[in-house]
Amino acid sequence: MVEGDLAIKVRMLFFGPLAESMGQREIEVALLQGSTARDLIDRFRLTPMLESGLRVAIDGVVGADLDADLADASEIAFLPPVSGG
């Protein structure tokens, strides 16, 4: 980041098998203001999982706009597909 750029911090939460594959359930990430959840998905290479049913909740809202700017202290939860029968 360049001095003078505004930064935000967000928390990424992982559940189920994704927490195991990431090696942790929670990561705090510093981002430039104006970053989106899609930026995080790209940065952590989660796009293939998104395409196979991974759901994303932003500040508790499942299905929130992944291209909307994140706010400082936002919480982005990555929820694995629910299987049932």
Protein backbone atom coordinates (compact mmCIF):
# COMPACT_ATOMS: atom_id res chain seq x y z
CA MET A 1 0.00 0.00 0.00
CA VAL A 2 1.14 3.49 -0.74
CA GLU A 3 1.31 6.01 2.08
CA GLY A 4 -1.86 8.06 2.03
CA ASP A 5 -4.02 5.23 0.69
CA LEU A 6 -6.95 4.51 2.96
CA ALA A 7 -6.99 0.97 4.29
CA ILE A 8 -9.69 -1.11 5.89
CA LYS A 9 -9.53 -4.35 7.84
CA VAL A 10 -12.04 -7.13 7.33
CA ARG A 11 -12.50 -10.54 8.91
CA MET A 12 -12.86 -13.62 6.74
CA LEU A 13 -14.61 -16.57 8.39
CA PHE A 14 -14.41 -20.11 7.02
CA PHE A 15 -16.72 -22.99 7.88
CA GLY A 16 -16.77 -26.74 7.33
CA PRO A 17 -14.20 -28.32 5.04
CA LEU A 18 -13.08 -24.89 3.86
CA ALA A 19 -11.80 -24.07 7.37
CA GLU A 20 -9.76 -27.27 7.26
CA SER A 21 -8.32 -26.56 3.81
CA MET A 22 -7.47 -22.95 4.76
CA GLY A 23 -5.84 -24.17 7.98
CA GLN A 24 -7.83 -21.73 10.12
CA ARG A 25 -11.37 -20.55 10.76
CA GLU A 26 -10.70 -16.81 10.74
CA ILE A 27 -8.30 -14.45 8.96
CA GLU A 28 -8.06 -10.69 9.36
CA VAL A 29 -7.08 -8.99 6.11
CA ALA A 30 -6.02 -5.41 5.37
CA LEU A 31 -7.41 -4.07 2.09
CA LEU A 32 -7.51 -0.80 0.25
CA GLN A 33 -10.73 1.13 0.70
CA GLY A 34 -12.99 0.27 -2.22
CA SER A 35 -12.10 -3.43 -2.19
CA THR A 36 -14.90 -5.95 -2.65
CA ALA A 37 -15.68 -9.49 -1.53
CA ARG A 38 -14.94 -10.57 -5.10
CA ASP A 39 -11.40 -9.15 -4.67
CA LEU A 40 -10.98 -11.41 -1.62
CA ILE A 41 -12.39 -14.40 -3.51
CA ASP A 42 -9.85 -13.81 -6.29
CA ARG A 43 -6.96 -13.19 -3.88
CA PHE A 44 -7.60 -16.43 -1.98
CA ARG A 45 -8.42 -18.40 -5.16
CA LEU A 46 -11.94 -19.32 -4.05
CA THR A 47 -13.64 -18.77 -7.43
CA PRO A 48 -13.84 -22.51 -8.27
CA MET A 49 -15.53 -23.15 -4.91
CA LEU A 50 -17.95 -20.28 -5.51
CA GLU A 51 -18.88 -21.86 -8.82
CA SER A 52 -19.57 -25.19 -7.08
CA GLY A 53 -21.96 -23.84 -4.45
CA LEU A 54 -19.91 -21.91 -1.89
CA ARG A 55 -22.12 -19.20 -0.39
CA VAL A 56 -20.85 -15.87 0.88
CA ALA A 57 -22.36 -13.78 3.67
CA ILE A 58 -21.27 -10.17 4.17
CA ASP A 59 -22.06 -8.80 7.61
CA GLY A 60 -24.60 -11.58 8.10
CA VAL A 61 -26.35 -11.17 4.74
CA VAL A 62 -26.18 -14.31 2.60
CA GLY A 63 -26.23 -13.48 -1.08
CA ALA A 64 -25.01 -9.90 -0.59
CA ASP A 65 -23.51 -8.10 -3.60
CA LEU A 66 -19.96 -9.44 -4.00
CA ASP A 67 -19.03 -6.38 -6.06
CA ALA A 68 -20.08 -3.79 -3.45
CA ASP A 69 -17.34 -1.95 -1.57
CA LEU A 70 -16.57 -3.50 1.80
CA ALA A 71 -16.67 -1.35 4.91
CA ASP A 72 -14.01 -1.27 7.60
CA ALA A 73 -14.58 -4.14 10.07
CA SER A 74 -16.83 -6.04 7.66
CA GLU A 75 -17.19 -9.75 8.26
CA ILE A 76 -17.17 -12.01 5.21
CA ALA A 77 -18.24 -15.59 5.90
CA PHE A 78 -17.65 -18.40 3.43
CA LEU A 79 -20.28 -21.10 3.83
CA PRO A 80 -19.93 -24.50 2.19
CA PRO A 81 -22.86 -25.92 0.22
CA VAL A 82 -25.40 -27.60 2.47
CA SER A 83 -26.03 -31.21 1.62
CA GLY A 84 -29.09 -32.91 2.86
CA GLY A 85 -31.66 -35.47 2.10
